[in-house]
Amino acid sequence: MNLVNYKLMDIHILISLINMKLRDEFNSISDLVSYYDISLDEFLIYLNENKYIYNEKNNSLVEI
């Protein structure tokens, strides 16, 4: 699945998908966004606006 249009996705599906990819394919959020050519800053702002943050220790997105 292409994440370039992540803003059009349901936020819960997006979080689930990202967490799956972080668990199975990527060592960090930076690796993931780089792979999909997404701006890390924009992506993190979008997540924060939707009440999610990146937990580096667990390499996952969590609700705030």
N, C-alpha and C. Protein backbone atom coordinates (compact mmCIF):
# COMPACT_ATOMS: atom_id res chain seq x y z
N MET A 1 0.84 -1.18 0.00
CA MET A 1 0.00 0.00 0.00
C MET A 1 0.89 1.24 0.00
N ASN A 2 0.52 2.19 -0.82
CA ASN A 2 1.26 3.43 -0.93
C ASN A 2 0.79 4.41 0.14
N LEU A 3 1.71 4.96 0.89
CA LEU A 3 1.35 5.88 1.97
C LEU A 3 1.43 7.35 1.58
N VAL A 4 1.69 7.62 0.33
CA VAL A 4 1.82 9.02 -0.10
C VAL A 4 0.54 9.80 0.18
N ASN A 5 -0.60 9.15 0.07
CA ASN A 5 -1.89 9.82 0.32
C ASN A 5 -2.42 9.52 1.72
N TYR A 6 -1.53 9.48 2.67
CA TYR A 6 -1.91 9.10 4.03
C TYR A 6 -2.99 10.00 4.63
N LYS A 7 -3.05 11.25 4.20
CA LYS A 7 -4.05 12.18 4.77
C LYS A 7 -5.48 11.83 4.35
N LEU A 8 -5.61 11.02 3.33
CA LEU A 8 -6.93 10.62 2.86
C LEU A 8 -7.42 9.35 3.54
N MET A 9 -6.56 8.71 4.28
CA MET A 9 -6.91 7.45 4.93
C MET A 9 -7.60 7.68 6.27
N ASP A 10 -8.42 6.74 6.64
CA ASP A 10 -8.99 6.74 7.98
C ASP A 10 -7.82 6.66 8.97
N ILE A 11 -7.83 7.50 9.99
CA ILE A 11 -6.68 7.60 10.89
C ILE A 11 -6.41 6.28 11.61
N HIS A 12 -7.44 5.54 11.96
CA HIS A 12 -7.24 4.28 12.69
C HIS A 12 -6.62 3.21 11.79
N ILE A 13 -7.02 3.19 10.56
CA ILE A 13 -6.42 2.26 9.60
C ILE A 13 -4.97 2.66 9.34
N LEU A 14 -4.74 3.95 9.20
CA LEU A 14 -3.37 4.44 8.99
C LEU A 14 -2.46 4.05 10.15
N ILE A 15 -2.91 4.27 11.37
CA ILE A 15 -2.09 3.93 12.55
C ILE A 15 -1.81 2.44 12.59
N SER A 16 -2.80 1.65 12.32
CA SER A 16 -2.61 0.20 12.30
C SER A 16 -1.60 -0.22 11.24
N LEU A 17 -1.73 0.35 10.08
CA LEU A 17 -0.83 0.04 8.98
C LEU A 17 0.61 0.47 9.30
N ILE A 18 0.75 1.67 9.82
CA ILE A 18 2.09 2.18 10.15
C ILE A 18 2.73 1.32 11.24
N ASN A 19 1.96 0.99 12.26
CA ASN A 19 2.52 0.17 13.33
C ASN A 19 2.92 -1.22 12.82
N MET A 20 2.16 -1.77 11.93
CA MET A 20 2.51 -3.06 11.34
C MET A 20 3.83 -2.94 10.56
N LYS A 21 3.95 -1.89 9.77
CA LYS A 21 5.17 -1.69 8.99
C LYS A 21 6.37 -1.42 9.89
N LEU A 22 6.16 -0.68 10.95
CA LEU A 22 7.25 -0.43 11.90
C LEU A 22 7.67 -1.73 12.59
N ARG A 23 6.72 -2.55 12.90
CA ARG A 23 7.03 -3.83 13.55
C ARG A 23 7.74 -4.80 12.60
N ASP A 24 7.27 -4.85 11.34
CA ASP A 24 7.72 -5.89 10.42
C ASP A 24 8.80 -5.47 9.42
N GLU A 25 8.86 -4.17 9.10
CA GLU A 25 9.71 -3.78 7.98
C GLU A 25 10.72 -2.68 8.26
N PHE A 26 10.42 -1.79 9.20
CA PHE A 26 11.27 -0.61 9.38
C PHE A 26 11.76 -0.50 10.82
N ASN A 27 12.98 -0.04 10.97
CA ASN A 27 13.57 0.12 12.30
C ASN A 27 13.23 1.44 12.96
N SER A 28 12.66 2.36 12.20
CA SER A 28 12.30 3.66 12.77
C SER A 28 11.30 4.36 11.85
N ILE A 29 10.67 5.38 12.40
CA ILE A 29 9.73 6.17 11.61
C ILE A 29 10.48 6.92 10.51
N SER A 30 11.71 7.29 10.79
CA SER A 30 12.53 7.98 9.78
C SER A 30 12.78 7.09 8.57
N ASP A 31 13.06 5.83 8.82
CA ASP A 31 13.25 4.89 7.71
C ASP A 31 11.98 4.73 6.89
N LEU A 32 10.86 4.64 7.58
CA LEU A 32 9.58 4.46 6.89
C LEU A 32 9.25 5.65 6.00
N VAL A 33 9.31 6.86 6.54
CA VAL A 33 8.94 8.03 5.74
C VAL A 33 9.93 8.27 4.61
N SER A 34 11.18 7.95 4.85
CA SER A 34 12.18 8.08 3.81
C SER A 34 11.87 7.13 2.65
N TYR A 35 11.51 5.92 2.97
CA TYR A 35 11.18 4.92 1.96
C TYR A 35 10.01 5.38 1.09
N TYR A 36 9.00 5.97 1.73
CA TYR A 36 7.81 6.43 1.01
C TYR A 36 7.90 7.87 0.52
N ASP A 37 9.05 8.48 0.73
CA ASP A 37 9.29 9.86 0.31
C ASP A 37 8.25 10.82 0.89
N ILE A 38 8.07 10.72 2.19
CA ILE A 38 7.13 11.56 2.94
C ILE A 38 7.96 12.43 3.87
N SER A 39 7.57 13.66 4.03
CA SER A 39 8.25 14.56 4.95
C SER A 39 8.01 14.10 6.39
N LEU A 40 9.09 13.87 7.12
CA LEU A 40 8.96 13.44 8.51
C LEU A 40 8.25 14.49 9.35
N ASP A 41 8.64 15.73 9.20
CA ASP A 41 8.01 16.80 9.99
C ASP A 41 6.51 16.89 9.73
N GLU A 42 6.13 16.88 8.48
CA GLU A 42 4.70 16.96 8.13
C GLU A 42 3.94 15.75 8.66
N PHE A 43 4.56 14.60 8.54
CA PHE A 43 3.91 13.38 9.01
C PHE A 43 3.70 13.41 10.52
N LEU A 44 4.72 13.81 11.27
CA LEU A 44 4.61 13.88 12.72
C LEU A 44 3.59 14.93 13.16
N ILE A 45 3.53 16.04 12.46
CA ILE A 45 2.52 17.06 12.76
C ILE A 45 1.12 16.51 12.53
N TYR A 46 0.95 15.83 11.41
CA TYR A 46 -0.35 15.23 11.10
C TYR A 46 -0.76 14.23 12.19
N LEU A 47 0.17 13.40 12.61
CA LEU A 47 -0.13 12.44 13.67
C LEU A 47 -0.50 13.15 14.96
N ASN A 48 0.25 14.18 15.30
CA ASN A 48 -0.03 14.93 16.51
C ASN A 48 -1.41 15.59 16.46
N GLU A 49 -1.76 16.12 15.32
CA GLU A 49 -3.09 16.73 15.15
C GLU A 49 -4.20 15.70 15.36
N ASN A 50 -3.88 14.44 15.14
CA ASN A 50 -4.85 13.37 15.31
C ASN A 50 -4.62 12.59 16.61
N LYS A 51 -3.85 13.22 17.50
CA LYS A 51 -3.63 12.71 18.85
C LYS A 51 -2.80 11.43 18.91
N TYR A 52 -1.79 11.37 18.05
CA TYR A 52 -0.84 10.26 18.08
C TYR A 52 0.59 10.81 18.06
N ILE A 53 1.46 10.06 18.70
CA ILE A 53 2.88 10.40 18.68
C ILE A 53 3.68 9.13 18.39
N TYR A 54 4.91 9.34 18.01
CA TYR A 54 5.82 8.23 17.78
C TYR A 54 6.58 7.92 19.06
N ASN A 55 6.53 6.68 19.50
CA ASN A 55 7.26 6.23 20.66
C ASN A 55 8.52 5.53 20.16
N GLU A 56 9.63 6.21 20.29
CA GLU A 56 10.90 5.69 19.75
C GLU A 56 11.34 4.40 20.45
N LYS A 57 11.13 4.33 21.74
CA LYS A 57 11.53 3.16 22.50
C LYS A 57 10.84 1.89 21.99
N ASN A 58 9.57 1.99 21.68
CA ASN A 58 8.79 0.84 21.20
C ASN A 58 8.68 0.79 19.68
N ASN A 59 9.19 1.81 19.02
CA ASN A 59 9.08 1.91 17.57
C ASN A 59 7.63 1.73 17.11
N SER A 60 6.76 2.55 17.69
CA SER A 60 5.34 2.46 17.34
C SER A 60 4.66 3.80 17.57
N LEU A 61 3.50 3.93 16.97
CA LEU A 61 2.67 5.10 17.17
C LEU A 61 1.72 4.80 18.32
N VAL A 62 1.56 5.78 19.20
CA VAL A 62 0.69 5.61 20.35
C VAL A 62 -0.22 6.82 20.49
N GLU A 63 -1.38 6.57 21.04
CA GLU A 63 -2.35 7.65 21.25
C GLU A 63 -1.93 8.49 22.46
N ILE A 64 -2.15 9.81 22.33
CA ILE A 64 -1.82 10.69 23.46
C ILE A 64 -3.10 11.13 24.15
